[in-house]
């Protein structure tokens, strides 16, 4: 399926679902990785996980903004 065809078939609930999944992943990273004792003791590892969470947060913001723009008139 081409990207344009996929885009045509998506509705606002697909974007809401993507936001939810990103949130679940971010919570899991925070609760199960950042709070792990071994990771707390390893600053470079913790820093890399923190960067990953920041990238996920940026993706969360992006998909929310895209959804707002795409569906604001509906």
Protein backbone atom coordinates (compact mmCIF):
# COMPACT_ATOMS: atom_id res chain seq x y z
CA UNK A 1 0.00 0.00 0.00
CA UNK A 2 1.43 3.39 -0.99
CA UNK A 3 1.86 6.13 1.62
CA UNK A 4 -0.86 8.27 0.07
CA UNK A 5 -3.31 5.37 0.17
CA UNK A 6 -2.43 4.66 3.81
CA UNK A 7 -2.83 8.36 4.66
CA UNK A 8 -6.24 8.45 2.98
CA UNK A 9 -7.47 5.52 5.10
CA UNK A 10 -6.40 6.92 8.47
CA UNK A 11 -8.81 8.69 10.76
CA UNK A 12 -8.28 10.70 13.94
CA UNK A 13 -8.57 7.56 16.08
CA UNK A 14 -5.48 6.07 14.40
CA UNK A 15 -3.56 9.16 15.50
CA UNK A 16 -5.05 8.94 19.00
CA UNK A 17 -3.97 5.31 19.14
CA UNK A 18 -0.43 6.27 18.07
CA UNK A 19 -0.33 8.89 20.84
CA UNK A 20 -1.48 6.30 23.35
CA UNK A 21 1.15 3.78 22.25
CA UNK A 22 3.90 6.38 22.46
CA UNK A 23 2.74 7.29 25.96
CA UNK A 24 2.76 3.63 27.04
CA UNK A 25 6.31 3.16 25.71
CA UNK A 26 7.53 6.33 27.45
CA UNK A 27 5.98 5.21 30.75
CA UNK A 28 7.57 1.77 30.40
CA UNK A 29 10.97 3.33 29.70
CA UNK A 30 10.65 5.57 32.74
CA UNK A 31 9.21 2.96 35.12
CA UNK A 32 11.17 -0.13 34.07
CA UNK A 33 14.42 1.22 32.67
CA UNK A 34 15.22 4.54 34.31
CA UNK A 35 14.23 3.18 37.73
CA UNK A 36 16.29 0.00 37.37
CA UNK A 37 19.15 -0.06 39.92
CA UNK A 38 21.82 -1.10 37.38
CA UNK A 39 20.83 1.72 35.03
CA UNK A 40 20.79 4.23 37.89
CA UNK A 41 24.43 3.29 38.56
CA UNK A 42 25.53 3.66 34.93
CA UNK A 43 25.35 7.35 33.91
CA UNK A 44 26.12 6.80 30.22
CA UNK A 45 23.43 4.15 29.88
CA UNK A 46 20.95 6.31 31.77
CA UNK A 47 21.82 9.26 29.53
CA UNK A 48 21.17 7.21 26.38
CA UNK A 49 17.82 6.01 27.68
CA UNK A 50 16.92 9.58 28.62
CA UNK A 51 17.77 10.66 25.05
CA UNK A 52 15.51 7.92 23.71
CA UNK A 53 12.65 9.11 25.95
CA UNK A 54 13.21 12.67 24.73
CA UNK A 55 12.98 11.50 21.11
CA UNK A 56 9.77 9.63 21.91
CA UNK A 57 8.40 12.78 23.53
CA UNK A 58 9.23 14.74 20.38
CA UNK A 59 7.45 12.09 18.29
CA UNK A 60 4.45 12.34 20.62
CA UNK A 61 4.32 16.10 20.11
CA UNK A 62 4.71 15.73 16.35
CA UNK A 63 1.94 13.17 15.92
CA UNK A 64 -0.35 15.27 18.13
CA UNK A 65 0.33 18.36 16.04
CA UNK A 66 -0.20 16.46 12.79
CA UNK A 67 -3.49 15.11 14.10
CA UNK A 68 -4.63 18.56 15.20
CA UNK A 69 -3.87 20.06 11.79
CA UNK A 70 -5.36 17.19 9.82
CA UNK A 71 -8.61 16.85 11.75
CA UNK A 72 -9.26 20.32 13.18
CA UNK A 73 -12.01 21.07 10.62
CA UNK A 74 -13.93 17.87 11.27
